C-alpha atoms as a PDB file:
ATOM      1  CA  MET A   1      -9.979 -11.724  28.890  1.00  0.00           C
ATOM      2  CA  SER A   2      -6.803  -9.063  29.026  1.00  0.00           C
ATOM      3  CA  THR A   3      -6.961  -5.243  29.634  1.00  0.00           C
ATOM      4  CA  HIS A   4      -4.692  -2.853  28.257  1.00  0.00           C
ATOM      5  CA  THR A   5      -3.629   0.703  28.824  1.00  0.00           C
ATOM      6  CA  ILE A   6      -1.961   1.855  25.974  1.00  0.00           C
ATOM      7  CA  SER A   7      -3.787   5.047  24.509  1.00  0.00           C
ATOM      8  CA  ASN A   8      -5.355   4.882  21.068  1.00  0.00           C
ATOM      9  CA  SER A   9      -6.145   8.062  20.784  1.00  0.00           C
ATOM     10  CA  TYR A  10      -4.477   9.643  17.653  1.00  0.00           C
ATOM     11  CA  THR A  11      -1.790  11.830  19.563  1.00  0.00           C
ATOM     12  CA  ALA A  12      -0.519   8.706  21.322  1.00  0.00           C
ATOM     13  CA  GLN A  13      -0.478   6.674  17.679  1.00  0.00           C
ATOM     14  CA  CYS A  14       1.395   9.744  16.209  1.00  0.00           C
ATOM     15  CA  ALA A  15       3.674  10.056  19.605  1.00  0.00           C
ATOM     16  CA  ARG A  16       5.046   6.235  19.905  1.00  0.00           C
ATOM     17  CA  LEU A  17       5.541   6.213  16.126  1.00  0.00           C
ATOM     18  CA  LEU A  18       7.322   9.135  16.125  1.00  0.00           C
ATOM     19  CA  ARG A  19       9.581   7.990  19.282  1.00  0.00           C
ATOM     20  CA  TYR A  20       9.979   4.808  17.433  1.00  0.00           C
ATOM     21  CA  LEU A  21      10.835   6.650  14.428  1.00  0.00           C
ATOM     22  CA  LYS A  22      13.623   9.079  16.755  1.00  0.00           C
ATOM     23  CA  GLU A  23      15.246   5.960  18.164  1.00  0.00           C
ATOM     24  CA  ASN A  24      15.564   3.573  15.078  1.00  0.00           C
ATOM     25  CA  GLY A  25      15.701   6.195  12.067  1.00  0.00           C
ATOM     26  CA  THR A  26      12.607   3.323  10.257  1.00  0.00           C
ATOM     27  CA  VAL A  27       9.562   1.615  11.180  1.00  0.00           C
ATOM     28  CA  THR A  28       7.606  -0.687   8.647  1.00  0.00           C
ATOM     29  CA  THR A  29       3.970  -0.832   8.305  1.00  0.00           C
ATOM     30  CA  LEU A  30       3.940  -4.224  10.172  1.00  0.00           C
ATOM     31  CA  GLN A  31       6.300  -3.252  12.719  1.00  0.00           C
ATOM     32  CA  ALA A  32       4.023  -0.067  13.407  1.00  0.00           C
ATOM     33  CA  ARG A  33       0.923  -2.354  13.431  1.00  0.00           C
ATOM     34  CA  HIS A  34       2.016  -4.976  15.712  1.00  0.00           C
ATOM     35  CA  LEU A  35       5.045  -3.340  17.884  1.00  0.00           C
ATOM     36  CA  LEU A  36       3.201   0.181  18.344  1.00  0.00           C
ATOM     37  CA  ALA A  37      -0.829  -0.530  17.846  1.00  0.00           C
ATOM     38  CA  VAL A  38      -0.901   1.700  15.091  1.00  0.00           C
ATOM     39  CA  MET A  39      -3.223   0.196  13.080  1.00  0.00           C
ATOM     40  CA  HIS A  40      -3.041   3.060  10.009  1.00  0.00           C
ATOM     41  CA  PRO A  41       0.656   3.835   9.747  1.00  0.00           C
ATOM     42  CA  ALA A  42       0.406   5.450   6.220  1.00  0.00           C
ATOM     43  CA  GLY A  43      -2.114   8.136   8.038  1.00  0.00           C
ATOM     44  CA  ARG A  44       0.164   8.944  10.839  1.00  0.00           C
ATOM     45  CA  ILE A  45       2.798   9.199   8.960  1.00  0.00           C
ATOM     46  CA  LYS A  46       0.786  11.704   6.997  1.00  0.00           C
ATOM     47  CA  ASP A  47       0.158  13.509   9.928  1.00  0.00           C
ATOM     48  CA  LEU A  48       3.662  13.565  11.081  1.00  0.00           C
ATOM     49  CA  ARG A  49       4.788  15.225   7.899  1.00  0.00           C
ATOM     50  CA  ASN A  50       1.915  17.972   7.707  1.00  0.00           C
ATOM     51  CA  ALA A  51       3.492  18.498  11.232  1.00  0.00           C
ATOM     52  CA  GLY A  52       6.593  19.282  10.016  1.00  0.00           C
ATOM     53  CA  TYR A  53       8.923  16.470   9.800  1.00  0.00           C
ATOM     54  CA  THR A  54      10.514  14.680   6.572  1.00  0.00           C
ATOM     55  CA  ILE A  55       9.824  11.242   6.401  1.00  0.00           C
ATOM     56  CA  LEU A  56      10.277   9.568   3.180  1.00  0.00           C
ATOM     57  CA  THR A  57       9.028   6.387   2.319  1.00  0.00           C
ATOM     58  CA  TYR A  58      10.703   3.341  -0.029  1.00  0.00           C
ATOM     59  CA  TRP A  59       8.448   0.305  -1.143  1.00  0.00           C
ATOM     60  CA  VAL A  60       9.891  -2.835   0.418  1.00  0.00           C
ATOM     61  CA  PHE A  61       8.305  -6.553   0.753  1.00  0.00           C
ATOM     62  CA  ASP A  62       7.985  -8.811   3.907  1.00  0.00           C
ATOM     63  CA  THR A  63       5.823 -11.862   4.914  1.00  0.00           C
ATOM     64  CA  ASP A  64       3.454 -11.391   8.279  1.00  0.00           C
ATOM     65  CA  SER A  65       3.049 -13.714  10.872  1.00  0.00           C
ATOM     66  CA  THR A  66       0.727 -16.205   8.700  1.00  0.00           C
ATOM     67  CA  GLY A  67       3.529 -16.311   5.881  1.00  0.00           C
ATOM     68  CA  VAL A  68       2.049 -14.051   3.712  1.00  0.00           C
ATOM     69  CA  ARG A  69       3.926 -11.935   1.151  1.00  0.00           C
ATOM     70  CA  HIS A  70       3.142  -7.978   1.596  1.00  0.00           C
ATOM     71  CA  ARG A  71       4.385  -4.840  -0.144  1.00  0.00           C
ATOM     72  CA  GLN A  72       4.620  -2.342   2.687  1.00  0.00           C
ATOM     73  CA  GLY A  73       6.081   1.180   3.058  1.00  0.00           C
ATOM     74  CA  LEU A  74       9.109   1.496   4.884  1.00  0.00           C
ATOM     75  CA  TYR A  75       9.498   5.138   6.411  1.00  0.00           C
ATOM     76  CA  VAL A  76      12.541   6.813   7.338  1.00  0.00           C
ATOM     77  CA  LEU A  77      12.869   9.855   9.520  1.00  0.00           C
ATOM     78  CA  LYS A  78      15.316  12.054   7.536  1.00  0.00           C
ATOM     79  CA  ALA A  79      18.491  11.930   9.771  1.00  0.00           C
ATOM     80  CA  GLY A  80      18.967  15.206  12.049  1.00  0.00           C
ATOM     81  CA  ASP A  81      15.011  16.158  11.918  1.00  0.00           C
ATOM     82  CA  ASN A  82      14.089  16.542  15.357  1.00  0.00           C
ATOM     83  CA  ASN A  83      11.648  19.206  14.837  1.00  0.00           C
ATOM     84  CA  ASP A  84      11.621  19.857  18.890  1.00  0.00           C
END
């Protein structure tokens, strides 16, 4: 059994998601789940929007690791919206 030191708190998930958006500009639902351990990306995006960030949503299709095609959100942080 492996142990992970990554925090799964609401605050930590929002911070990981925001950092990724600032560094990469976009993130998909599947990326957020698999790369950032954010299991409900839409909820965290809503929280970031409520905090003042402008994040656009586009609908795209992608295939998961099992080969199943999914409609998912592509979240885009508006350029220059650092809100820091």
